[in-house]
């Protein structure tokens, strides 16, 4: 399988490289969210330890802690999936280079095997990005639920139910 355009292989390398960058940014952003969730959890624990809260506040804080724990688990899973996608896309880039070398050497059986592996790596990376994104959506919904419940509680308490 001769290469008509020697720069054509760059398109096979560029796509995984761009997706690797995107996944890296998602890991960074998700790690920041994870850190903020940990900080918020510690704040809620300190509020519980202050012992100045009444029974209703204690019940609210306990529910918030449950939701914060779920959010933390979702964020950790998302980080794992995004990190896995980085590995898949890096493998895809390496495989693209190997495919280019095999195209020049004309090894058709090995070339097909490498193409199959490259396809698996790309599909694994893309699938991991999608799953990680879905986990972030679930975590965002929990975050909204947490804020809504906390706001509702304080409205009832301090604004008379407005």
N, C-alpha and C. Protein backbone atom coordinates (compact mmCIF):
# COMPACT_ATOMS: atom_id res chain seq x y z
N UNK A 1 0.85 -1.17 0.00
CA UNK A 1 0.00 0.00 0.00
C UNK A 1 0.89 1.23 0.00
N UNK A 2 1.20 1.79 -1.15
CA UNK A 2 2.09 2.94 -1.23
C UNK A 2 1.40 4.21 -0.72
N UNK A 3 2.20 5.08 -0.16
CA UNK A 3 1.70 6.35 0.35
C UNK A 3 1.82 7.37 -0.77
N UNK A 4 0.68 7.90 -1.21
CA UNK A 4 0.69 8.89 -2.28
C UNK A 4 1.16 10.24 -1.78
N UNK A 5 0.75 10.60 -0.59
CA UNK A 5 1.14 11.87 0.02
C UNK A 5 1.85 11.55 1.34
N UNK A 6 3.14 11.82 1.43
CA UNK A 6 3.86 11.48 2.66
C UNK A 6 3.37 12.24 3.88
N UNK A 7 2.67 13.36 3.69
CA UNK A 7 2.14 14.11 4.83
C UNK A 7 0.78 13.58 5.30
N UNK A 8 0.22 12.62 4.58
CA UNK A 8 -1.09 12.09 4.94
C UNK A 8 -1.06 11.43 6.31
N UNK A 9 0.06 10.85 6.68
CA UNK A 9 0.15 10.19 7.98
C UNK A 9 0.00 11.18 9.13
N UNK A 10 0.31 12.45 8.88
CA UNK A 10 0.16 13.47 9.93
C UNK A 10 -1.29 13.60 10.37
N UNK A 11 -2.21 13.37 9.46
CA UNK A 11 -3.63 13.45 9.85
C UNK A 11 -3.97 12.34 10.84
N UNK A 12 -3.32 11.19 10.72
CA UNK A 12 -3.57 10.10 11.65
C UNK A 12 -2.94 10.37 13.01
N UNK A 13 -1.91 11.19 13.03
CA UNK A 13 -1.24 11.53 14.29
C UNK A 13 -1.91 12.74 14.93
N UNK A 14 -2.37 13.68 14.12
CA UNK A 14 -2.94 14.92 14.64
C UNK A 14 -4.22 14.70 15.43
N UNK A 15 -5.10 13.85 14.93
CA UNK A 15 -6.38 13.63 15.62
C UNK A 15 -6.18 13.10 17.03
N UNK A 16 -5.39 12.03 17.22
CA UNK A 16 -5.17 11.57 18.60
C UNK A 16 -4.46 12.61 19.46
N UNK A 17 -3.58 13.39 18.87
CA UNK A 17 -2.88 14.42 19.65
C UNK A 17 -3.85 15.48 20.15
N UNK A 18 -4.76 15.90 19.31
CA UNK A 18 -5.76 16.90 19.71
C UNK A 18 -6.69 16.33 20.78
N UNK A 19 -7.10 15.07 20.60
CA UNK A 19 -7.97 14.44 21.59
C UNK A 19 -7.23 14.20 22.91
N UNK A 20 -5.94 13.93 22.84
CA UNK A 20 -5.13 13.78 24.06
C UNK A 20 -5.12 15.10 24.82
N UNK A 21 -4.95 16.19 24.11
CA UNK A 21 -4.96 17.51 24.73
C UNK A 21 -6.33 17.80 25.37
N UNK A 22 -7.38 17.49 24.66
CA UNK A 22 -8.73 17.72 25.19
C UNK A 22 -8.96 16.90 26.46
N UNK A 23 -8.55 15.64 26.42
CA UNK A 23 -8.71 14.78 27.60
C UNK A 23 -7.87 15.30 28.77
N UNK A 24 -6.69 15.81 28.48
CA UNK A 24 -5.83 16.36 29.54
C UNK A 24 -6.49 17.56 30.20
N UNK A 25 -7.12 18.41 29.40
CA UNK A 25 -7.83 19.55 29.97
C UNK A 25 -9.01 19.10 30.81
N UNK A 26 -9.69 18.05 30.38
CA UNK A 26 -10.80 17.52 31.18
C UNK A 26 -10.30 16.94 32.50
N UNK A 27 -9.16 16.28 32.50
CA UNK A 27 -8.57 15.77 33.75
C UNK A 27 -8.26 16.93 34.67
N UNK A 28 -7.66 17.98 34.13
CA UNK A 28 -7.30 19.13 34.96
C UNK A 28 -8.54 19.79 35.56
N UNK A 29 -9.54 20.04 34.72
CA UNK A 29 -10.76 20.68 35.22
C UNK A 29 -11.49 19.81 36.23
N UNK A 30 -11.53 18.52 35.98
CA UNK A 30 -12.21 17.61 36.90
C UNK A 30 -11.44 17.50 38.21
N UNK A 31 -10.13 17.53 38.13
CA UNK A 31 -9.31 17.51 39.35
C UNK A 31 -9.56 18.76 40.19
N UNK A 32 -9.74 19.90 39.53
CA UNK A 32 -10.07 21.13 40.26
C UNK A 32 -11.43 21.00 40.95
N UNK A 33 -12.41 20.44 40.24
CA UNK A 33 -13.73 20.23 40.84
C UNK A 33 -13.62 19.28 42.03
N UNK A 34 -12.79 18.24 41.89
CA UNK A 34 -12.58 17.29 42.97
C UNK A 34 -12.03 18.01 44.20
N UNK A 35 -11.04 18.87 44.00
CA UNK A 35 -10.46 19.62 45.10
C UNK A 35 -11.47 20.52 45.79
N UNK A 36 -12.30 21.19 45.00
CA UNK A 36 -13.33 22.05 45.59
C UNK A 36 -14.35 21.23 46.37
N UNK A 37 -14.66 20.04 45.88
CA UNK A 37 -15.61 19.17 46.58
C UNK A 37 -15.03 18.71 47.91
N UNK A 38 -13.75 18.40 47.92
CA UNK A 38 -13.08 18.01 49.17
C UNK A 38 -13.10 19.18 50.16
N UNK A 39 -12.80 20.38 49.67
CA UNK A 39 -12.82 21.56 50.55
C UNK A 39 -14.21 21.79 51.13
N UNK A 40 -15.23 21.66 50.30
CA UNK A 40 -16.61 21.87 50.77
C UNK A 40 -17.00 20.80 51.79
N UNK A 41 -16.56 19.57 51.56
CA UNK A 41 -16.85 18.49 52.50
C UNK A 41 -16.21 18.79 53.86
N UNK A 42 -14.98 19.26 53.85
CA UNK A 42 -14.30 19.60 55.10
C UNK A 42 -15.00 20.75 55.83
N UNK A 43 -15.52 21.70 55.06
CA UNK A 43 -16.26 22.81 55.66
C UNK A 43 -17.53 22.32 56.34
N UNK A 44 -18.23 21.43 55.69
CA UNK A 44 -19.46 20.88 56.27
C UNK A 44 -19.14 20.09 57.54
N UNK A 45 -18.06 19.33 57.52
CA UNK A 45 -17.65 18.58 58.72
C UNK A 45 -17.34 19.53 59.87
N UNK A 46 -16.66 20.64 59.58
CA UNK A 46 -16.36 21.62 60.62
C UNK A 46 -17.64 22.24 61.17
N UNK A 47 -18.62 22.45 60.30
CA UNK A 47 -19.89 22.99 60.76
C UNK A 47 -20.60 22.00 61.68
N UNK A 48 -20.49 20.72 61.37
CA UNK A 48 -21.08 19.70 62.23
C UNK A 48 -20.35 19.62 63.57
N UNK A 49 -19.04 19.74 63.53
CA UNK A 49 -18.24 19.66 64.75
C UNK A 49 -18.42 20.87 65.66
N UNK A 50 -18.88 21.99 65.10
CA UNK A 50 -19.04 23.21 65.89
C UNK A 50 -20.10 23.04 66.98
N UNK A 51 -20.99 22.13 66.80
CA UNK A 51 -22.03 21.79 67.77
C UNK A 51 -22.94 22.96 68.11
N UNK A 52 -22.95 23.95 67.26
CA UNK A 52 -23.87 25.07 67.46
C UNK A 52 -25.10 24.91 66.58
N UNK A 53 -25.13 23.84 65.78
CA UNK A 53 -26.25 23.62 64.88
C UNK A 53 -27.38 22.91 65.61
N UNK A 54 -28.60 23.25 65.23
CA UNK A 54 -29.76 22.56 65.79
C UNK A 54 -30.01 21.27 65.00
N UNK A 55 -31.05 20.55 65.39
CA UNK A 55 -31.33 19.24 64.77
C UNK A 55 -31.58 19.35 63.27
N UNK A 56 -32.27 20.40 62.84
CA UNK A 56 -32.56 20.55 61.41
C UNK A 56 -31.28 20.80 60.62
N UNK A 57 -30.40 21.63 61.17
CA UNK A 57 -29.13 21.90 60.50
C UNK A 57 -28.26 20.64 60.45
N UNK A 58 -28.24 19.90 61.54
CA UNK A 58 -27.47 18.67 61.58
C UNK A 58 -27.99 17.70 60.51
N UNK A 59 -29.30 17.59 60.38
CA UNK A 59 -29.88 16.71 59.36
C UNK A 59 -29.49 17.17 57.96
N UNK A 60 -29.52 18.49 57.74
CA UNK A 60 -29.11 19.05 56.44
C UNK A 60 -27.65 18.73 56.16
N UNK A 61 -26.77 18.96 57.13
CA UNK A 61 -25.34 18.71 56.93
C UNK A 61 -25.05 17.25 56.66
N UNK A 62 -25.77 16.37 57.34
CA UNK A 62 -25.57 14.94 57.10
C UNK A 62 -25.98 14.57 55.68
N UNK A 63 -27.09 15.13 55.22
CA UNK A 63 -27.53 14.86 53.84
C UNK A 63 -26.53 15.44 52.85
N UNK A 64 -26.04 16.64 53.13
CA UNK A 64 -25.04 17.26 52.26
C UNK A 64 -23.78 16.41 52.19
N UNK A 65 -23.35 15.87 53.33
CA UNK A 65 -22.15 15.01 53.34
C UNK A 65 -22.36 13.77 52.47
N UNK A 66 -23.55 13.19 52.52
CA UNK A 66 -23.85 12.02 51.68
C UNK A 66 -23.73 12.38 50.22
N UNK A 67 -24.30 13.53 49.84
CA UNK A 67 -24.23 13.96 48.45
C UNK A 67 -22.81 14.32 48.04
N UNK A 68 -22.05 14.93 48.95
CA UNK A 68 -20.67 15.29 48.64
C UNK A 68 -19.82 14.04 48.41
N UNK A 69 -20.09 13.01 49.20
CA UNK A 69 -19.36 11.76 49.01
C UNK A 69 -19.66 11.16 47.63
N UNK A 70 -20.93 11.18 47.24
CA UNK A 70 -21.29 10.69 45.91
C UNK A 70 -20.63 11.51 44.81
N UNK A 71 -20.62 12.81 44.99
CA UNK A 71 -19.97 13.68 44.00
C UNK A 71 -18.49 13.36 43.87
N UNK A 72 -17.84 13.14 45.01
CA UNK A 72 -16.41 12.82 45.01
C UNK A 72 -16.15 11.53 44.25
N UNK A 73 -16.96 10.52 44.48
CA UNK A 73 -16.79 9.24 43.78
C UNK A 73 -17.00 9.43 42.27
N UNK A 74 -18.01 10.18 41.88
CA UNK A 74 -18.25 10.43 40.46
C UNK A 74 -17.08 11.16 39.82
N UNK A 75 -16.53 12.13 40.52
CA UNK A 75 -15.40 12.88 39.99
C UNK A 75 -14.16 12.00 39.85
N UNK A 76 -13.92 11.14 40.83
CA UNK A 76 -12.77 10.23 40.73
C UNK A 76 -12.92 9.28 39.54
N UNK A 77 -14.13 8.78 39.34
CA UNK A 77 -14.37 7.89 38.19
C UNK A 77 -14.16 8.64 36.88
N UNK A 78 -14.64 9.88 36.83
CA UNK A 78 -14.46 10.68 35.61
C UNK A 78 -12.98 10.90 35.33
N UNK A 79 -12.22 11.21 36.38
CA UNK A 79 -10.78 11.39 36.20
C UNK A 79 -10.15 10.11 35.66
N UNK A 80 -10.57 8.98 36.18
CA UNK A 80 -10.03 7.70 35.71
C UNK A 80 -10.32 7.51 34.22
N UNK A 81 -11.58 7.74 33.83
CA UNK A 81 -11.93 7.55 32.42
C UNK A 81 -11.20 8.53 31.51
N UNK A 82 -11.08 9.78 31.94
CA UNK A 82 -10.34 10.75 31.12
C UNK A 82 -8.87 10.38 31.02
N UNK A 83 -8.29 9.90 32.11
CA UNK A 83 -6.89 9.46 32.08
C UNK A 83 -6.71 8.25 31.17
N UNK A 84 -7.66 7.34 31.22
CA UNK A 84 -7.61 6.18 30.33
C UNK A 84 -7.66 6.62 28.87
N UNK A 85 -8.49 7.61 28.59
CA UNK A 85 -8.59 8.10 27.21
C UNK A 85 -7.27 8.73 26.76
N UNK A 86 -6.57 9.40 27.66
CA UNK A 86 -5.26 9.96 27.32
C UNK A 86 -4.32 8.84 26.88
N UNK A 87 -4.30 7.75 27.64
CA UNK A 87 -3.47 6.61 27.29
C UNK A 87 -3.85 6.01 25.95
N UNK A 88 -5.14 5.90 25.71
CA UNK A 88 -5.60 5.34 24.43
C UNK A 88 -5.19 6.22 23.26
N UNK A 89 -5.35 7.54 23.42
CA UNK A 89 -4.98 8.43 22.32
C UNK A 89 -3.47 8.48 22.11
N UNK A 90 -2.71 8.38 23.19
CA UNK A 90 -1.25 8.32 23.05
C UNK A 90 -0.87 7.04 22.31
N UNK A 91 -1.52 5.93 22.66
CA UNK A 91 -1.26 4.67 21.95
C UNK A 91 -1.66 4.80 20.48
N UNK A 92 -2.74 5.49 20.21
CA UNK A 92 -3.17 5.71 18.83
C UNK A 92 -2.13 6.49 18.03
N UNK A 93 -1.53 7.49 18.66
CA UNK A 93 -0.48 8.27 17.98
C UNK A 93 0.74 7.39 17.68
N UNK A 94 1.14 6.60 18.65
CA UNK A 94 2.27 5.70 18.44
C UNK A 94 1.96 4.68 17.35
N UNK A 95 0.78 4.14 17.38
CA UNK A 95 0.39 3.17 16.36
C UNK A 95 0.36 3.81 14.97
N UNK A 96 -0.04 5.08 14.89
CA UNK A 96 -0.04 5.76 13.60
C UNK A 96 1.38 5.86 13.03
N UNK A 97 2.34 6.11 13.92
CA UNK A 97 3.73 6.14 13.46
C UNK A 97 4.20 4.76 12.99
N UNK A 98 3.83 3.73 13.73
CA UNK A 98 4.18 2.37 13.33
C UNK A 98 3.52 1.99 12.01
N UNK A 99 2.29 2.42 11.83
CA UNK A 99 1.57 2.14 10.58
C UNK A 99 2.28 2.81 9.42
N UNK A 100 2.75 4.04 9.63
CA UNK A 100 3.48 4.74 8.57
C UNK A 100 4.73 3.97 8.17
N UNK A 101 5.43 3.46 9.17
CA UNK A 101 6.64 2.68 8.88
C UNK A 101 6.29 1.38 8.16
N UNK A 102 5.21 0.76 8.57
CA UNK A 102 4.80 -0.51 7.94
C UNK A 102 4.29 -0.29 6.51
N UNK A 103 3.70 0.87 6.25
CA UNK A 103 3.23 1.15 4.89
C UNK A 103 4.42 1.26 3.95
N UNK A 104 5.50 1.84 4.44
CA UNK A 104 6.70 1.97 3.62
C UNK A 104 7.37 0.61 3.43
N UNK A 105 7.29 -0.26 4.43
CA UNK A 105 7.94 -1.56 4.34
C UNK A 105 7.07 -2.61 3.67
N UNK A 106 5.82 -2.31 3.44
CA UNK A 106 4.87 -3.20 2.76
C UNK A 106 4.72 -4.55 3.46
N UNK A 107 4.28 -4.50 4.72
CA UNK A 107 3.93 -5.71 5.49
C UNK A 107 2.42 -5.72 5.68
N UNK A 108 1.66 -6.29 4.74
CA UNK A 108 0.20 -6.17 4.78
C UNK A 108 -0.46 -6.81 6.01
N UNK A 109 0.00 -7.97 6.46
CA UNK A 109 -0.64 -8.61 7.61
C UNK A 109 -0.40 -7.82 8.90
N UNK A 110 0.82 -7.41 9.07
CA UNK A 110 1.16 -6.61 10.25
C UNK A 110 0.46 -5.26 10.20
N UNK A 111 0.35 -4.71 8.99
CA UNK A 111 -0.33 -3.44 8.81
C UNK A 111 -1.79 -3.54 9.24
N UNK A 112 -2.47 -4.61 8.84
CA UNK A 112 -3.89 -4.80 9.23
C UNK A 112 -4.03 -4.93 10.74
N UNK A 113 -3.10 -5.66 11.34
CA UNK A 113 -3.15 -5.82 12.80
C UNK A 113 -2.98 -4.47 13.49
N UNK A 114 -2.03 -3.69 13.02
CA UNK A 114 -1.79 -2.37 13.61
C UNK A 114 -2.98 -1.43 13.39
N UNK A 115 -3.59 -1.51 12.22
CA UNK A 115 -4.78 -0.69 11.96
C UNK A 115 -5.91 -1.07 12.91
N UNK A 116 -6.06 -2.37 13.16
CA UNK A 116 -7.07 -2.83 14.11
C UNK A 116 -6.80 -2.33 15.51
N UNK A 117 -5.55 -2.40 15.93
CA UNK A 117 -5.18 -1.89 17.25
C UNK A 117 -5.40 -0.38 17.36
N UNK A 118 -5.06 0.33 16.28
CA UNK A 118 -5.27 1.78 16.28
C UNK A 118 -6.76 2.11 16.41
N UNK A 119 -7.58 1.35 15.71
CA UNK A 119 -9.03 1.55 15.80
C UNK A 119 -9.52 1.27 17.22
N UNK A 120 -9.04 0.19 17.83
CA UNK A 120 -9.43 -0.12 19.21
C UNK A 120 -8.99 0.98 20.18
N UNK A 121 -7.77 1.46 20.00
CA UNK A 121 -7.27 2.53 20.87
C UNK A 121 -8.12 3.79 20.72
N UNK A 122 -8.42 4.15 19.50
CA UNK A 122 -9.25 5.34 19.27
C UNK A 122 -10.65 5.18 19.82
N UNK A 123 -11.25 4.02 19.61
CA UNK A 123 -12.60 3.77 20.12
C UNK A 123 -12.60 3.76 21.65
N UNK A 124 -11.56 3.16 22.24
CA UNK A 124 -11.46 3.14 23.70
C UNK A 124 -11.32 4.54 24.26
N UNK A 125 -10.50 5.35 23.62
CA UNK A 125 -10.31 6.72 24.07
C UNK A 125 -11.57 7.55 23.94
N UNK A 126 -12.23 7.42 22.81
CA UNK A 126 -13.46 8.18 22.59
C UNK A 126 -14.56 7.72 23.54
N UNK A 127 -14.69 6.41 23.71
CA UNK A 127 -15.68 5.89 24.64
C UNK A 127 -15.44 6.36 26.06
N UNK A 128 -14.18 6.41 26.46
CA UNK A 128 -13.83 6.88 27.80
C UNK A 128 -14.15 8.36 27.98
N UNK A 129 -13.95 9.14 26.93
CA UNK A 129 -14.32 10.56 27.00
C UNK A 129 -15.83 10.72 27.21
N UNK A 130 -16.59 9.92 26.48
CA UNK A 130 -18.05 10.01 26.59
C UNK A 130 -18.50 9.60 28.00
N UNK A 131 -17.97 8.49 28.50
CA UNK A 131 -18.36 8.03 29.84
C UNK A 131 -17.95 9.05 30.89
N UNK A 132 -16.74 9.59 30.78
CA UNK A 132 -16.30 10.61 31.72
C UNK A 132 -17.19 11.84 31.68
N UNK A 133 -17.60 12.23 30.48
CA UNK A 133 -18.52 13.36 30.35
C UNK A 133 -19.86 13.10 31.00
N UNK A 134 -20.36 11.88 30.84
CA UNK A 134 -21.64 11.51 31.47
C UNK A 134 -21.51 11.55 33.00
N UNK A 135 -20.39 11.12 33.51
CA UNK A 135 -20.17 11.18 34.96
C UNK A 135 -20.13 12.62 35.46
N UNK A 136 -19.54 13.50 34.66
CA UNK A 136 -19.52 14.92 35.04
C UNK A 136 -20.93 15.52 35.06
N UNK A 137 -21.75 15.09 34.12
CA UNK A 137 -23.14 15.58 34.11
C UNK A 137 -23.87 15.12 35.38
N UNK A 138 -23.68 13.87 35.76
CA UNK A 138 -24.30 13.36 36.99
C UNK A 138 -23.81 14.12 38.21
N UNK A 139 -22.50 14.39 38.25
CA UNK A 139 -21.94 15.12 39.38
C UNK A 139 -22.47 16.55 39.42
N UNK A 140 -22.63 17.16 38.27
CA UNK A 140 -23.17 18.52 38.21
C UNK A 140 -24.61 18.55 38.72
N UNK A 141 -25.39 17.55 38.36
CA UNK A 141 -26.77 17.47 38.87
C UNK A 141 -26.79 17.34 40.39
N UNK A 142 -25.89 16.52 40.93
CA UNK A 142 -25.81 16.39 42.39
C UNK A 142 -25.39 17.72 43.02
N UNK A 143 -24.47 18.42 42.37
CA UNK A 143 -24.06 19.73 42.88
C UNK A 143 -25.21 20.70 42.90
N UNK A 144 -26.02 20.69 41.87
CA UNK A 144 -27.20 21.56 41.82
C UNK A 144 -28.21 21.18 42.89
N UNK A 145 -28.39 19.88 43.09
CA UNK A 145 -29.29 19.41 44.14
C UNK A 145 -28.80 19.88 45.51
N UNK A 146 -27.51 19.79 45.74
CA UNK A 146 -26.92 20.22 47.00
C UNK A 146 -27.18 21.71 47.24
N UNK A 147 -26.90 22.50 46.23
CA UNK A 147 -27.10 23.95 46.36
C UNK A 147 -28.57 24.28 46.55
N UNK A 148 -29.44 23.62 45.80
CA UNK A 148 -30.88 23.87 45.91
C UNK A 148 -31.40 23.53 47.30
N UNK A 149 -30.97 22.40 47.83
CA UNK A 149 -31.44 21.99 49.16
C UNK A 149 -30.93 22.93 50.24
N UNK A 150 -29.69 23.32 50.13
CA UNK A 150 -29.12 24.24 51.10
C UNK A 150 -29.82 25.60 51.03
N UNK A 151 -30.06 26.08 49.83
CA UNK A 151 -30.74 27.37 49.64
C UNK A 151 -32.17 27.30 50.17
N UNK A 152 -32.86 26.21 49.89
CA UNK A 152 -34.23 26.04 50.38
C UNK A 152 -34.26 26.08 51.91
N UNK A 153 -33.31 25.36 52.51
CA UNK A 153 -33.25 25.33 53.98
C UNK A 153 -33.06 26.72 54.55
N UNK A 154 -32.11 27.47 54.04
CA UNK A 154 -31.82 28.79 54.59
C UNK A 154 -32.91 29.81 54.25
N UNK A 155 -33.57 29.64 53.14
CA UNK A 155 -34.73 30.51 52.83
C UNK A 155 -35.83 30.29 53.85
N UNK A 156 -36.11 29.01 54.12
CA UNK A 156 -37.16 28.70 55.09
C UNK A 156 -36.80 29.25 56.47
N UNK A 157 -35.56 29.13 56.83
CA UNK A 157 -35.13 29.52 58.17
C UNK A 157 -35.05 31.03 58.34
N UNK A 158 -34.43 31.71 57.37
CA UNK A 158 -34.13 33.12 57.57
C UNK A 158 -35.01 34.09 56.80
N UNK A 159 -35.70 33.59 55.80
CA UNK A 159 -36.56 34.49 55.02
C UNK A 159 -38.02 34.14 55.15
N UNK A 160 -38.34 33.24 56.02
CA UNK A 160 -39.73 32.89 56.26
C UNK A 160 -40.39 32.15 55.13
N UNK A 161 -39.65 31.37 54.36
CA UNK A 161 -40.25 30.53 53.33
C UNK A 161 -40.36 31.16 51.97
N UNK A 162 -39.67 32.26 51.72
CA UNK A 162 -39.75 32.91 50.41
C UNK A 162 -39.12 32.07 49.34
